[in-house]
């Protein structure tokens, strides 16, 4: 994410799957995604 932002790439953060075979969790909450980008993506 940092390299993409530094290069000027339009960057979006998404939630992807909502409690399906690809992921049993997910609250359908964009602010949860934002929190992960802070904690995991710095």
ModelCIF file with pLDDT and N, C-alpha, C, O atoms, coordinates in Angstrom:
data_MODEL
#
_entry.id   MODEL 
#
_entity.id                         1 
_entity.type                       polymer 
_entity.pdbx_number_of_molecules   1 
#
_entity_poly.entity_id                      1 
_entity_poly.type                           'polypeptide(L)' 
_entity_poly.nstd_linkage                   no 
_entity_poly.nstd_monomer                   no 
_entity_poly.pdbx_seq_one_letter_code       
;(UNK)(UNK)(UNK)(UNK)(UNK)(UNK)(UNK)(UNK)(UNK)(UNK)(UNK)(UNK)(UNK)(UNK)(UNK)(UNK)
(UNK)(UNK)(UNK)(UNK)(UNK)(UNK)(UNK)(UNK)(UNK)(UNK)(UNK)(UNK)(UNK)(UNK)(UNK)(UNK)
(UNK)(UNK)(UNK)(UNK)(UNK)(UNK)(UNK)(UNK)(UNK)(UNK)
;
_entity_poly.pdbx_seq_one_letter_code_can   XXXXXXXXXXXXXXXXXXXXXXXXXXXXXXXXXXXXXXXXXX 
_entity_poly.pdbx_strand_id                 A 
#
loop_
_entity_poly_seq.entity_id 
_entity_poly_seq.num 
_entity_poly_seq.mon_id 
_entity_poly_seq.hetero 
1 1  UNK n 
1 2  UNK n 
1 3  UNK n 
1 4  UNK n 
1 5  UNK n 
1 6  UNK n 
1 7  UNK n 
1 8  UNK n 
1 9  UNK n 
1 10 UNK n 
1 11 UNK n 
1 12 UNK n 
1 13 UNK n 
1 14 UNK n 
1 15 UNK n 
1 16 UNK n 
1 17 UNK n 
1 18 UNK n 
1 19 UNK n 
1 20 UNK n 
1 21 UNK n 
1 22 UNK n 
1 23 UNK n 
1 24 UNK n 
1 25 UNK n 
1 26 UNK n 
1 27 UNK n 
1 28 UNK n 
1 29 UNK n 
1 30 UNK n 
1 31 UNK n 
1 32 UNK n 
1 33 UNK n 
1 34 UNK n 
1 35 UNK n 
1 36 UNK n 
1 37 UNK n 
1 38 UNK n 
1 39 UNK n 
1 40 UNK n 
1 41 UNK n 
1 42 UNK n 
#
_struct_asym.id          A 
_struct_asym.entity_id   1 
#
loop_
_ma_qa_metric.id 
_ma_qa_metric.mode 
_ma_qa_metric.name 
_ma_qa_metric.software_group_id 
_ma_qa_metric.type 
1 global pLDDT . pLDDT 
2 local  pLDDT . pLDDT 
#
_ma_qa_metric_global.metric_id      1 
_ma_qa_metric_global.metric_value   96.36 
_ma_qa_metric_global.model_id       1 
_ma_qa_metric_global.ordinal_id     1 
#
loop_
_ma_qa_metric_local.label_asym_id 
_ma_qa_metric_local.label_comp_id 
_ma_qa_metric_local.label_seq_id 
_ma_qa_metric_local.metric_id 
_ma_qa_metric_local.metric_value 
_ma_qa_metric_local.model_id 
_ma_qa_metric_local.ordinal_id 
A UNK 1  2 97.00 1 1  
A UNK 2  2 97.00 1 2  
A UNK 3  2 97.00 1 3  
A UNK 4  2 98.00 1 4  
A UNK 5  2 98.00 1 5  
A UNK 6  2 98.00 1 6  
A UNK 7  2 98.00 1 7  
A UNK 8  2 98.00 1 8  
A UNK 9  2 98.00 1 9  
A UNK 10 2 98.00 1 10 
A UNK 11 2 98.00 1 11 
A UNK 12 2 98.00 1 12 
A UNK 13 2 98.00 1 13 
A UNK 14 2 98.00 1 14 
A UNK 15 2 98.00 1 15 
A UNK 16 2 97.00 1 16 
A UNK 17 2 96.00 1 17 
A UNK 18 2 96.00 1 18 
A UNK 19 2 95.00 1 19 
A UNK 20 2 95.00 1 20 
A UNK 21 2 93.00 1 21 
A UNK 22 2 94.00 1 22 
A UNK 23 2 93.00 1 23 
A UNK 24 2 93.00 1 24 
A UNK 25 2 92.00 1 25 
A UNK 26 2 92.00 1 26 
A UNK 27 2 94.00 1 27 
A UNK 28 2 97.00 1 28 
A UNK 29 2 97.00 1 29 
A UNK 30 2 98.00 1 30 
A UNK 31 2 97.00 1 31 
A UNK 32 2 97.00 1 32 
A UNK 33 2 98.00 1 33 
A UNK 34 2 98.00 1 34 
A UNK 35 2 97.00 1 35 
A UNK 36 2 97.00 1 36 
A UNK 37 2 97.00 1 37 
A UNK 38 2 96.00 1 38 
A UNK 39 2 95.00 1 39 
A UNK 40 2 95.00 1 40 
A UNK 41 2 95.00 1 41 
A UNK 42 2 96.00 1 42 
#
loop_
_atom_site.group_PDB 
_atom_site.id 
_atom_site.type_symbol 
_atom_site.label_atom_id 
_atom_site.label_alt_id 
_atom_site.label_comp_id 
_atom_site.label_asym_id 
_atom_site.label_entity_id 
_atom_site.label_seq_id 
_atom_site.pdbx_PDB_ins_code 
_atom_site.Cartn_x 
_atom_site.Cartn_y 
_atom_site.Cartn_z 
_atom_site.occupancy 
_atom_site.B_iso_or_equiv 
_atom_site.pdbx_formal_charge 
_atom_site.auth_seq_id 
_atom_site.auth_comp_id 
_atom_site.auth_asym_id 
_atom_site.auth_atom_id 
_atom_site.pdbx_PDB_model_num 
ATOM 1   N N  . UNK A 1 1  ? 0.824   -1.215  0.000  1.00 97.00 ? 1  UNK A N  1 
ATOM 2   C CA . UNK A 1 1  ? 0.000   0.000   0.000  1.00 97.00 ? 1  UNK A CA 1 
ATOM 3   C C  . UNK A 1 1  ? 0.857   1.264   0.000  1.00 97.00 ? 1  UNK A C  1 
ATOM 4   O O  . UNK A 1 1  ? 0.504   2.241   -0.661 1.00 97.00 ? 1  UNK A O  1 
ATOM 5   N N  . UNK A 1 2  ? 1.959   1.267   0.717  1.00 97.00 ? 2  UNK A N  1 
ATOM 6   C CA . UNK A 1 2  ? 2.787   2.476   0.773  1.00 97.00 ? 2  UNK A CA 1 
ATOM 7   C C  . UNK A 1 2  ? 3.451   2.745   -0.579 1.00 97.00 ? 2  UNK A C  1 
ATOM 8   O O  . UNK A 1 2  ? 3.490   3.889   -1.030 1.00 97.00 ? 2  UNK A O  1 
ATOM 9   N N  . UNK A 1 3  ? 3.967   1.710   -1.220 1.00 97.00 ? 3  UNK A N  1 
ATOM 10  C CA . UNK A 1 3  ? 4.582   1.901   -2.540 1.00 97.00 ? 3  UNK A CA 1 
ATOM 11  C C  . UNK A 1 3  ? 3.556   2.402   -3.546 1.00 97.00 ? 3  UNK A C  1 
ATOM 12  O O  . UNK A 1 3  ? 3.869   3.254   -4.378 1.00 97.00 ? 3  UNK A O  1 
ATOM 13  N N  . UNK A 1 4  ? 2.340   1.884   -3.478 1.00 98.00 ? 4  UNK A N  1 
ATOM 14  C CA . UNK A 1 4  ? 1.288   2.318   -4.394 1.00 98.00 ? 4  UNK A CA 1 
ATOM 15  C C  . UNK A 1 4  ? 0.936   3.779   -4.167 1.00 98.00 ? 4  UNK A C  1 
ATOM 16  O O  . UNK A 1 4  ? 0.807   4.543   -5.124 1.00 98.00 ? 4  UNK A O  1 
ATOM 17  N N  . UNK A 1 5  ? 0.780   4.176   -2.903 1.00 98.00 ? 5  UNK A N  1 
ATOM 18  C CA . UNK A 1 5  ? 0.472   5.577   -2.605 1.00 98.00 ? 5  UNK A CA 1 
ATOM 19  C C  . UNK A 1 5  ? 1.612   6.489   -3.040 1.00 98.00 ? 5  UNK A C  1 
ATOM 20  O O  . UNK A 1 5  ? 1.379   7.542   -3.634 1.00 98.00 ? 5  UNK A O  1 
ATOM 21  N N  . UNK A 1 6  ? 2.843   6.083   -2.743 1.00 98.00 ? 6  UNK A N  1 
ATOM 22  C CA . UNK A 1 6  ? 3.995   6.916   -3.108 1.00 98.00 ? 6  UNK A CA 1 
ATOM 23  C C  . UNK A 1 6  ? 4.102   7.096   -4.621 1.00 98.00 ? 6  UNK A C  1 
ATOM 24  O O  . UNK A 1 6  ? 4.595   8.121   -5.092 1.00 98.00 ? 6  UNK A O  1 
ATOM 25  N N  . UNK A 1 7  ? 3.638   6.096   -5.389 1.00 98.00 ? 7  UNK A N  1 
ATOM 26  C CA . UNK A 1 7  ? 3.693   6.182   -6.846 1.00 98.00 ? 7  UNK A CA 1 
ATOM 27  C C  . UNK A 1 7  ? 2.534   6.982   -7.429 1.00 98.00 ? 7  UNK A C  1 
ATOM 28  O O  . UNK A 1 7  ? 2.515   7.277   -8.624 1.00 98.00 ? 7  UNK A O  1 
ATOM 29  N N  . UNK A 1 8  ? 1.565   7.333   -6.582 1.00 98.00 ? 8  UNK A N  1 
ATOM 30  C CA . UNK A 1 8  ? 0.409   8.074   -7.067 1.00 98.00 ? 8  UNK A CA 1 
ATOM 31  C C  . UNK A 1 8  ? -0.708  7.210   -7.600 1.00 98.00 ? 8  UNK A C  1 
ATOM 32  O O  . UNK A 1 8  ? -1.574  7.703   -8.323 1.00 98.00 ? 8  UNK A O  1 
ATOM 33  N N  . UNK A 1 9  ? -0.715  5.909   -7.257 1.00 98.00 ? 9  UNK A N  1 
ATOM 34  C CA . UNK A 1 9  ? -1.780  5.006   -7.698 1.00 98.00 ? 9  UNK A CA 1 
ATOM 35  C C  . UNK A 1 9  ? -3.044  5.294   -6.899 1.00 98.00 ? 9  UNK A C  1 
ATOM 36  O O  . UNK A 1 9  ? -2.973  5.387   -5.674 1.00 98.00 ? 9  UNK A O  1 
ATOM 37  N N  . UNK A 1 10 ? -4.198  5.437   -7.545 1.00 98.00 ? 10 UNK A N  1 
ATOM 38  C CA . UNK A 1 10 ? -5.454  5.545   -6.788 1.00 98.00 ? 10 UNK A CA 1 
ATOM 39  C C  . UNK A 1 10 ? -5.655  4.277   -5.963 1.00 98.00 ? 10 UNK A C  1 
ATOM 40  O O  . UNK A 1 10 ? -5.746  3.183   -6.519 1.00 98.00 ? 10 UNK A O  1 
ATOM 41  N N  . UNK A 1 11 ? -5.722  4.418   -4.650 1.00 98.00 ? 11 UNK A N  1 
ATOM 42  C CA . UNK A 1 11 ? -5.792  3.266   -3.752 1.00 98.00 ? 11 UNK A CA 1 
ATOM 43  C C  . UNK A 1 11 ? -7.117  3.258   -3.013 1.00 98.00 ? 11 UNK A C  1 
ATOM 44  O O  . UNK A 1 11 ? -7.527  4.263   -2.432 1.00 98.00 ? 11 UNK A O  1 
ATOM 45  N N  . UNK A 1 12 ? -7.775  2.120   -3.043 1.00 98.00 ? 12 UNK A N  1 
ATOM 46  C CA . UNK A 1 12 ? -9.008  1.923   -2.292 1.00 98.00 ? 12 UNK A CA 1 
ATOM 47  C C  . UNK A 1 12 ? -8.819  0.767   -1.324 1.00 98.00 ? 12 UNK A C  1 
ATOM 48  O O  . UNK A 1 12 ? -8.024  -0.138  -1.574 1.00 98.00 ? 12 UNK A O  1 
ATOM 49  N N  . UNK A 1 13 ? -9.542  0.800   -0.231 1.00 98.00 ? 13 UNK A N  1 
ATOM 50  C CA . UNK A 1 13 ? -9.551  -0.306  0.719  1.00 98.00 ? 13 UNK A CA 1 
ATOM 51  C C  . UNK A 1 13 ? -10.932 -0.934  0.741  1.00 98.00 ? 13 UNK A C  1 
ATOM 52  O O  . UNK A 1 13 ? -11.931 -0.229  0.889  1.00 98.00 ? 13 UNK A O  1 
ATOM 53  N N  . UNK A 1 14 ? -11.002 -2.263  0.593  1.00 98.00 ? 14 UNK A N  1 
ATOM 54  C CA . UNK A 1 14 ? -12.286 -2.947  0.550  1.00 98.00 ? 14 UNK A CA 1 
ATOM 55  C C  . UNK A 1 14 ? -12.379 -4.072  1.544  1.00 98.00 ? 14 UNK A C  1 
ATOM 56  O O  . UNK A 1 14 ? -11.372 -4.522  2.090  1.00 98.00 ? 14 UNK A O  1 
ATOM 57  N N  . UNK A 1 15 ? -13.601 -4.529  1.778  1.00 98.00 ? 15 UNK A N  1 
ATOM 58  C CA . UNK A 1 15 ? -13.859 -5.577  2.756  1.00 98.00 ? 15 UNK A CA 1 
ATOM 59  C C  . UNK A 1 15 ? -13.877 -6.975  2.178  1.00 98.00 ? 15 UNK A C  1 
ATOM 60  O O  . UNK A 1 15 ? -13.653 -7.948  2.899  1.00 98.00 ? 15 UNK A O  1 
ATOM 61  N N  . UNK A 1 16 ? -14.143 -7.091  0.865  1.00 97.00 ? 16 UNK A N  1 
ATOM 62  C CA . UNK A 1 16 ? -14.144 -8.381  0.180  1.00 97.00 ? 16 UNK A CA 1 
ATOM 63  C C  . UNK A 1 16 ? -15.267 -9.260  0.713  1.00 97.00 ? 16 UNK A C  1 
ATOM 64  O O  . UNK A 1 16 ? -16.435 -8.888  0.609  1.00 97.00 ? 16 UNK A O  1 
ATOM 65  N N  . UNK A 1 17 ? -14.944 -10.407 1.276  1.00 96.00 ? 17 UNK A N  1 
ATOM 66  C CA . UNK A 1 17 ? -15.963 -11.407 1.598  1.00 96.00 ? 17 UNK A CA 1 
ATOM 67  C C  . UNK A 1 17 ? -16.640 -11.131 2.927  1.00 96.00 ? 17 UNK A C  1 
ATOM 68  O O  . UNK A 1 17 ? -16.029 -10.609 3.860  1.00 96.00 ? 17 UNK A O  1 
ATOM 69  N N  . UNK A 1 18 ? -17.919 -11.494 2.995  1.00 96.00 ? 18 UNK A N  1 
ATOM 70  C CA . UNK A 1 18 ? -18.710 -11.292 4.206  1.00 96.00 ? 18 UNK A CA 1 
ATOM 71  C C  . UNK A 1 18 ? -19.235 -12.642 4.672  1.00 96.00 ? 18 UNK A C  1 
ATOM 72  O O  . UNK A 1 18 ? -20.311 -13.079 4.265  1.00 96.00 ? 18 UNK A O  1 
ATOM 73  N N  . UNK A 1 19 ? -18.465 -13.292 5.527  1.00 95.00 ? 19 UNK A N  1 
ATOM 74  C CA . UNK A 1 19 ? -18.862 -14.542 6.176  1.00 95.00 ? 19 UNK A CA 1 
ATOM 75  C C  . UNK A 1 19 ? -19.301 -15.609 5.168  1.00 95.00 ? 19 UNK A C  1 
ATOM 76  O O  . UNK A 1 19 ? -20.413 -16.133 5.217  1.00 95.00 ? 19 UNK A O  1 
ATOM 77  N N  . UNK A 1 20 ? -18.363 -15.906 4.246  1.00 95.00 ? 20 UNK A N  1 
ATOM 78  C CA . UNK A 1 20 ? -18.596 -16.944 3.252  1.00 95.00 ? 20 UNK A CA 1 
ATOM 79  C C  . UNK A 1 20 ? -17.395 -17.889 3.259  1.00 95.00 ? 20 UNK A C  1 
ATOM 80  O O  . UNK A 1 20 ? -16.518 -17.729 4.107  1.00 95.00 ? 20 UNK A O  1 
ATOM 81  N N  . UNK A 1 21 ? -17.315 -18.868 2.350  1.00 93.00 ? 21 UNK A N  1 
ATOM 82  C CA . UNK A 1 21 ? -16.210 -19.823 2.433  1.00 93.00 ? 21 UNK A CA 1 
ATOM 83  C C  . UNK A 1 21 ? -14.819 -19.212 2.329  1.00 93.00 ? 21 UNK A C  1 
ATOM 84  O O  . UNK A 1 21 ? -13.834 -19.862 2.679  1.00 93.00 ? 21 UNK A O  1 
ATOM 85  N N  . UNK A 1 22 ? -14.724 -17.972 1.852  1.00 94.00 ? 22 UNK A N  1 
ATOM 86  C CA . UNK A 1 22 ? -13.421 -17.328 1.731  1.00 94.00 ? 22 UNK A CA 1 
ATOM 87  C C  . UNK A 1 22 ? -13.016 -16.587 3.004  1.00 94.00 ? 22 UNK A C  1 
ATOM 88  O O  . UNK A 1 22 ? -11.875 -16.141 3.123  1.00 94.00 ? 22 UNK A O  1 
ATOM 89  N N  . UNK A 1 23 ? -13.927 -16.455 3.941  1.00 93.00 ? 23 UNK A N  1 
ATOM 90  C CA . UNK A 1 23 ? -13.633 -15.702 5.161  1.00 93.00 ? 23 UNK A CA 1 
ATOM 91  C C  . UNK A 1 23 ? -14.820 -15.811 6.108  1.00 93.00 ? 23 UNK A C  1 
ATOM 92  O O  . UNK A 1 23 ? -15.909 -15.351 5.765  1.00 93.00 ? 23 UNK A O  1 
ATOM 93  N N  . UNK A 1 24 ? -14.650 -16.408 7.296  1.00 93.00 ? 24 UNK A N  1 
ATOM 94  C CA . UNK A 1 24 ? -15.791 -16.569 8.201  1.00 93.00 ? 24 UNK A CA 1 
ATOM 95  C C  . UNK A 1 24 ? -16.143 -15.302 8.963  1.00 93.00 ? 24 UNK A C  1 
ATOM 96  O O  . UNK A 1 24 ? -17.164 -15.256 9.648  1.00 93.00 ? 24 UNK A O  1 
ATOM 97  N N  . UNK A 1 25 ? -15.299 -14.261 8.850  1.00 92.00 ? 25 UNK A N  1 
ATOM 98  C CA . UNK A 1 25 ? -15.565 -13.030 9.587  1.00 92.00 ? 25 UNK A CA 1 
ATOM 99  C C  . UNK A 1 25 ? -15.873 -11.906 8.587  1.00 92.00 ? 25 UNK A C  1 
ATOM 100 O O  . UNK A 1 25 ? -16.047 -12.152 7.393  1.00 92.00 ? 25 UNK A O  1 
ATOM 101 N N  . UNK A 1 26 ? -15.933 -10.701 9.087  1.00 92.00 ? 26 UNK A N  1 
ATOM 102 C CA . UNK A 1 26 ? -16.268 -9.568  8.233  1.00 92.00 ? 26 UNK A CA 1 
ATOM 103 C C  . UNK A 1 26 ? -17.576 -8.953  8.664  1.00 92.00 ? 26 UNK A C  1 
ATOM 104 O O  . UNK A 1 26 ? -18.613 -9.616  8.646  1.00 92.00 ? 26 UNK A O  1 
ATOM 105 N N  . UNK A 1 27 ? -17.541 -7.676  9.055  1.00 94.00 ? 27 UNK A N  1 
ATOM 106 C CA . UNK A 1 27 ? -18.731 -6.996  9.588  1.00 94.00 ? 27 UNK A CA 1 
ATOM 107 C C  . UNK A 1 27 ? -19.403 -6.107  8.551  1.00 94.00 ? 27 UNK A C  1 
ATOM 108 O O  . UNK A 1 27 ? -20.313 -5.349  8.887  1.00 94.00 ? 27 UNK A O  1 
ATOM 109 N N  . UNK A 1 28 ? -18.969 -6.189  7.298  1.00 97.00 ? 28 UNK A N  1 
ATOM 110 C CA . UNK A 1 28 ? -19.528 -5.315  6.247  1.00 97.00 ? 28 UNK A CA 1 
ATOM 111 C C  . UNK A 1 28 ? -19.384 -3.857  6.647  1.00 97.00 ? 28 UNK A C  1 
ATOM 112 O O  . UNK A 1 28 ? -20.281 -3.044  6.426  1.00 97.00 ? 28 UNK A O  1 
ATOM 113 N N  . UNK A 1 29 ? -18.236 -3.539  7.243  1.00 97.00 ? 29 UNK A N  1 
ATOM 114 C CA . UNK A 1 29 ? -18.008 -2.199  7.787  1.00 97.00 ? 29 UNK A CA 1 
ATOM 115 C C  . UNK A 1 29 ? -16.720 -1.616  7.218  1.00 97.00 ? 29 UNK A C  1 
ATOM 116 O O  . UNK A 1 29 ? -15.634 -2.089  7.552  1.00 97.00 ? 29 UNK A O  1 
ATOM 117 N N  . UNK A 1 30 ? -16.819 -0.596  6.363  1.00 98.00 ? 30 UNK A N  1 
ATOM 118 C CA . UNK A 1 30 ? -15.608 0.012   5.816  1.00 98.00 ? 30 UNK A CA 1 
ATOM 119 C C  . UNK A 1 30 ? -14.654 0.548   6.873  1.00 98.00 ? 30 UNK A C  1 
ATOM 120 O O  . UNK A 1 30 ? -13.447 0.603   6.637  1.00 98.00 ? 30 UNK A O  1 
ATOM 121 N N  . UNK A 1 31 ? -15.171 0.945   8.038  1.00 97.00 ? 31 UNK A N  1 
ATOM 122 C CA . UNK A 1 31 ? -14.271 1.432   9.076  1.00 97.00 ? 31 UNK A CA 1 
ATOM 123 C C  . UNK A 1 31 ? -13.437 0.295   9.669  1.00 97.00 ? 31 UNK A C  1 
ATOM 124 O O  . UNK A 1 31 ? -12.345 0.537   10.182 1.00 97.00 ? 31 UNK A O  1 
ATOM 125 N N  . UNK A 1 32 ? -13.938 -0.944  9.605  1.00 97.00 ? 32 UNK A N  1 
ATOM 126 C CA . UNK A 1 32 ? -13.116 -2.093  9.989  1.00 97.00 ? 32 UNK A CA 1 
ATOM 127 C C  . UNK A 1 32 ? -11.947 -2.232  9.014  1.00 97.00 ? 32 UNK A C  1 
ATOM 128 O O  . UNK A 1 32 ? -10.815 -2.491  9.424  1.00 97.00 ? 32 UNK A O  1 
ATOM 129 N N  . UNK A 1 33 ? -12.230 -2.058  7.717  1.00 98.00 ? 33 UNK A N  1 
ATOM 130 C CA . UNK A 1 33 ? -11.165 -2.106  6.719  1.00 98.00 ? 33 UNK A CA 1 
ATOM 131 C C  . UNK A 1 33 ? -10.131 -1.016  6.974  1.00 98.00 ? 33 UNK A C  1 
ATOM 132 O O  . UNK A 1 33 ? -8.928  -1.262  6.885  1.00 98.00 ? 33 UNK A O  1 
ATOM 133 N N  . UNK A 1 34 ? -10.602 0.191   7.292  1.00 98.00 ? 34 UNK A N  1 
ATOM 134 C CA . UNK A 1 34 ? -9.669  1.282   7.586  1.00 98.00 ? 34 UNK A CA 1 
ATOM 135 C C  . UNK A 1 34 ? -8.769  0.926   8.764  1.00 98.00 ? 34 UNK A C  1 
ATOM 136 O O  . UNK A 1 34 ? -7.569  1.201   8.734  1.00 98.00 ? 34 UNK A O  1 
ATOM 137 N N  . UNK A 1 35 ? -9.336  0.321   9.791  1.00 97.00 ? 35 UNK A N  1 
ATOM 138 C CA . UNK A 1 35 ? -8.538  -0.073  10.948 1.00 97.00 ? 35 UNK A CA 1 
ATOM 139 C C  . UNK A 1 35 ? -7.466  -1.083  10.589 1.00 97.00 ? 35 UNK A C  1 
ATOM 140 O O  . UNK A 1 35 ? -6.350  -1.010  11.103 1.00 97.00 ? 35 UNK A O  1 
ATOM 141 N N  . UNK A 1 36 ? -7.788  -2.029  9.711  1.00 97.00 ? 36 UNK A N  1 
ATOM 142 C CA . UNK A 1 36 ? -6.795  -3.010  9.283  1.00 97.00 ? 36 UNK A CA 1 
ATOM 143 C C  . UNK A 1 36 ? -5.690  -2.361  8.458  1.00 97.00 ? 36 UNK A C  1 
ATOM 144 O O  . UNK A 1 36 ? -4.529  -2.758  8.556  1.00 97.00 ? 36 UNK A O  1 
ATOM 145 N N  . UNK A 1 37 ? -6.041  -1.365  7.648  1.00 97.00 ? 37 UNK A N  1 
ATOM 146 C CA . UNK A 1 37 ? -5.014  -0.680  6.875  1.00 97.00 ? 37 UNK A CA 1 
ATOM 147 C C  . UNK A 1 37 ? -4.066  0.101   7.780  1.00 97.00 ? 37 UNK A C  1 
ATOM 148 O O  . UNK A 1 37 ? -2.892  0.277   7.450  1.00 97.00 ? 37 UNK A O  1 
ATOM 149 N N  . UNK A 1 38 ? -4.570  0.567   8.912  1.00 96.00 ? 38 UNK A N  1 
ATOM 150 C CA . UNK A 1 38 ? -3.709  1.233   9.896  1.00 96.00 ? 38 UNK A CA 1 
ATOM 151 C C  . UNK A 1 38 ? -2.810  0.203   10.586 1.00 96.00 ? 38 UNK A C  1 
ATOM 152 O O  . UNK A 1 38 ? -1.596  0.389   10.664 1.00 96.00 ? 38 UNK A O  1 
ATOM 153 N N  . UNK A 1 39 ? -3.411  -0.889  11.090 1.00 95.00 ? 39 UNK A N  1 
ATOM 154 C CA . UNK A 1 39 ? -2.664  -1.854  11.898 1.00 95.00 ? 39 UNK A CA 1 
ATOM 155 C C  . UNK A 1 39 ? -1.740  -2.718  11.049 1.00 95.00 ? 39 UNK A C  1 
ATOM 156 O O  . UNK A 1 39 ? -0.591  -2.948  11.427 1.00 95.00 ? 39 UNK A O  1 
ATOM 157 N N  . UNK A 1 40 ? -2.226  -3.198  9.910  1.00 95.00 ? 40 UNK A N  1 
ATOM 158 C CA . UNK A 1 40 ? -1.442  -4.131  9.100  1.00 95.00 ? 40 UNK A CA 1 
ATOM 159 C C  . UNK A 1 40 ? -0.684  -3.443  7.975  1.00 95.00 ? 40 UNK A C  1 
ATOM 160 O O  . UNK A 1 40 ? 0.392   -3.892  7.581  1.00 95.00 ? 40 UNK A O  1 
ATOM 161 N N  . UNK A 1 41 ? -1.247  -2.346  7.454  1.00 95.00 ? 41 UNK A N  1 
ATOM 162 C CA . UNK A 1 41 ? -0.611  -1.664  6.333  1.00 95.00 ? 41 UNK A CA 1 
ATOM 163 C C  . UNK A 1 41 ? 0.201   -0.452  6.719  1.00 95.00 ? 41 UNK A C  1 
ATOM 164 O O  . UNK A 1 41 ? 0.892   0.132   5.885  1.00 95.00 ? 41 UNK A O  1 
ATOM 165 N N  . UNK A 1 42 ? 0.120   -0.062  8.010  1.00 96.00 ? 42 UNK A N  1 
ATOM 166 C CA . UNK A 1 42 ? 0.860   1.077   8.534  1.00 96.00 ? 42 UNK A CA 1 
ATOM 167 C C  . UNK A 1 42 ? 0.524   2.381   7.812  1.00 96.00 ? 42 UNK A C  1 
ATOM 168 O O  . UNK A 1 42 ? 1.073   3.431   8.146  1.00 96.00 ? 42 UNK A O  1 
#
